[in-house]
C-alpha atoms as a PDB file:
ATOM      1  CA  UNK A   1     187.161-113.244 113.572  1.00  0.00           C
ATOM      2  CA  UNK A   2     188.576-110.971 110.873  1.00  0.00           C
ATOM      3  CA  UNK A   3     186.147-109.645 108.293  1.00  0.00           C
ATOM      4  CA  UNK A   4     187.902-111.498 105.467  1.00  0.00           C
ATOM      5  CA  UNK A   5     187.280-114.804 107.230  1.00  0.00           C
ATOM      6  CA  UNK A   6     183.495-114.559 107.281  1.00  0.00           C
ATOM      7  CA  UNK A   7     183.004-113.589 103.645  1.00  0.00           C
ATOM      8  CA  UNK A   8     182.381-109.858 104.148  1.00  0.00           C
ATOM      9  CA  UNK A   9     185.813-108.726 102.972  1.00  0.00           C
ATOM     10  CA  UNK A  10     184.280-107.449  99.733  1.00  0.00           C
ATOM     11  CA  UNK A  11     181.925-105.218 101.667  1.00  0.00           C
ATOM     12  CA  UNK A  12     184.834-103.859 103.690  1.00  0.00           C
ATOM     13  CA  UNK A  13     186.807-103.106 100.513  1.00  0.00           C
ATOM     14  CA  UNK A  14     183.781-101.351  98.991  1.00  0.00           C
ATOM     15  CA  UNK A  15     183.276 -99.267 102.133  1.00  0.00           C
ATOM     16  CA  UNK A  16     186.952 -98.287 102.208  1.00  0.00           C
ATOM     17  CA  UNK A  17     186.857 -97.354  98.520  1.00  0.00           C
ATOM     18  CA  UNK A  18     183.803 -95.166  99.153  1.00  0.00           C
ATOM     19  CA  UNK A  19     185.546 -93.501 102.105  1.00  0.00           C
ATOM     20  CA  UNK A  20     188.640 -92.850  99.956  1.00  0.00           C
ATOM     21  CA  UNK A  21     186.514 -91.427  97.152  1.00  0.00           C
ATOM     22  CA  UNK A  22     184.633 -89.168  99.546  1.00  0.00           C
ATOM     23  CA  UNK A  23     187.931 -87.914 100.932  1.00  0.00           C
ATOM     24  CA  UNK A  24     189.299 -87.184  97.476  1.00  0.00           C
ATOM     25  CA  UNK A  25     186.134 -85.302  96.531  1.00  0.00           C
ATOM     26  CA  UNK A  26     186.310 -83.300  99.779  1.00  0.00           C
ATOM     27  CA  UNK A  27     189.929 -82.378  99.070  1.00  0.00           C
ATOM     28  CA  UNK A  28     189.023 -81.301  95.532  1.00  0.00           C
ATOM     29  CA  UNK A  29     186.088 -79.257  96.861  1.00  0.00           C
ATOM     30  CA  UNK A  30     188.215 -77.530  99.487  1.00  0.00           C
ATOM     31  CA  UNK A  31     190.835 -76.644  96.862  1.00  0.00           C
ATOM     32  CA  UNK A  32     188.204 -75.116  94.598  1.00  0.00           C
ATOM     33  CA  UNK A  33     187.277 -71.457  94.875  1.00  0.00           C
ATOM     34  CA  UNK A  34     183.767 -72.166  93.611  1.00  0.00           C
ATOM     35  CA  UNK A  35     180.881 -72.857  95.982  1.00  0.00           C
ATOM     36  CA  UNK A  36     180.312 -76.229  94.314  1.00  0.00           C
ATOM     37  CA  UNK A  37     182.427 -78.541  92.193  1.00  0.00           C
ATOM     38  CA  UNK A  38     181.470 -78.531  88.546  1.00  0.00           C
ATOM     39  CA  UNK A  39     180.560 -81.878  86.995  1.00  0.00           C
ATOM     40  CA  UNK A  40     183.808 -81.732  85.010  1.00  0.00           C
ATOM     41  CA  UNK A  41     185.832 -81.389  88.218  1.00  0.00           C
ATOM     42  CA  UNK A  42     184.030 -84.348  89.778  1.00  0.00           C
ATOM     43  CA  UNK A  43     184.700 -86.379  86.643  1.00  0.00           C
ATOM     44  CA  UNK A  44     188.401 -85.509  86.870  1.00  0.00           C
ATOM     45  CA  UNK A  45     188.545 -86.850  90.429  1.00  0.00           C
ATOM     46  CA  UNK A  46     186.649 -90.003  89.495  1.00  0.00           C
ATOM     47  CA  UNK A  47     188.719 -90.657  86.371  1.00  0.00           C
ATOM     48  CA  UNK A  48     191.991 -90.088  88.241  1.00  0.00           C
ATOM     49  CA  UNK A  49     191.064 -93.059  90.454  1.00  0.00           C
ATOM     50  CA  UNK A  50     190.710 -95.354  87.426  1.00  0.00           C
ATOM     51  CA  UNK A  51     194.303 -95.300  86.258  1.00  0.00           C
ATOM     52  CA  UNK A  52     196.094 -98.465  85.083  1.00  0.00           C
ATOM     53  CA  UNK A  53     197.029 -99.308  88.668  1.00  0.00           C
ATOM     54  CA  UNK A  54     193.390 -98.965  89.827  1.00  0.00           C
ATOM     55  CA  UNK A  55     190.987-100.909  87.594  1.00  0.00           C
ATOM     56  CA  UNK A  56     187.307-100.067  87.621  1.00  0.00           C
ATOM     57  CA  UNK A  57     186.458-103.189  89.643  1.00  0.00           C
ATOM     58  CA  UNK A  58     189.229-105.068  91.398  1.00  0.00           C
ATOM     59  CA  UNK A  59     188.988-108.808  90.940  1.00  0.00           C
ATOM     60  CA  UNK A  60     189.223-110.706  94.236  1.00  0.00           C
END
């Protein structure tokens, strides 16, 4: 049975979004020369994900 069939599709989407976000933060961290990302850099990554094509919460 596919995950969307048993009502857990939302959980799968949330998990995939978290994995994508973690990946984007890791890429930003590896591109930075600093030991840690500044809060402003983290905000840039987070805000870049919330463009017009990616609403804050997708409606399913």
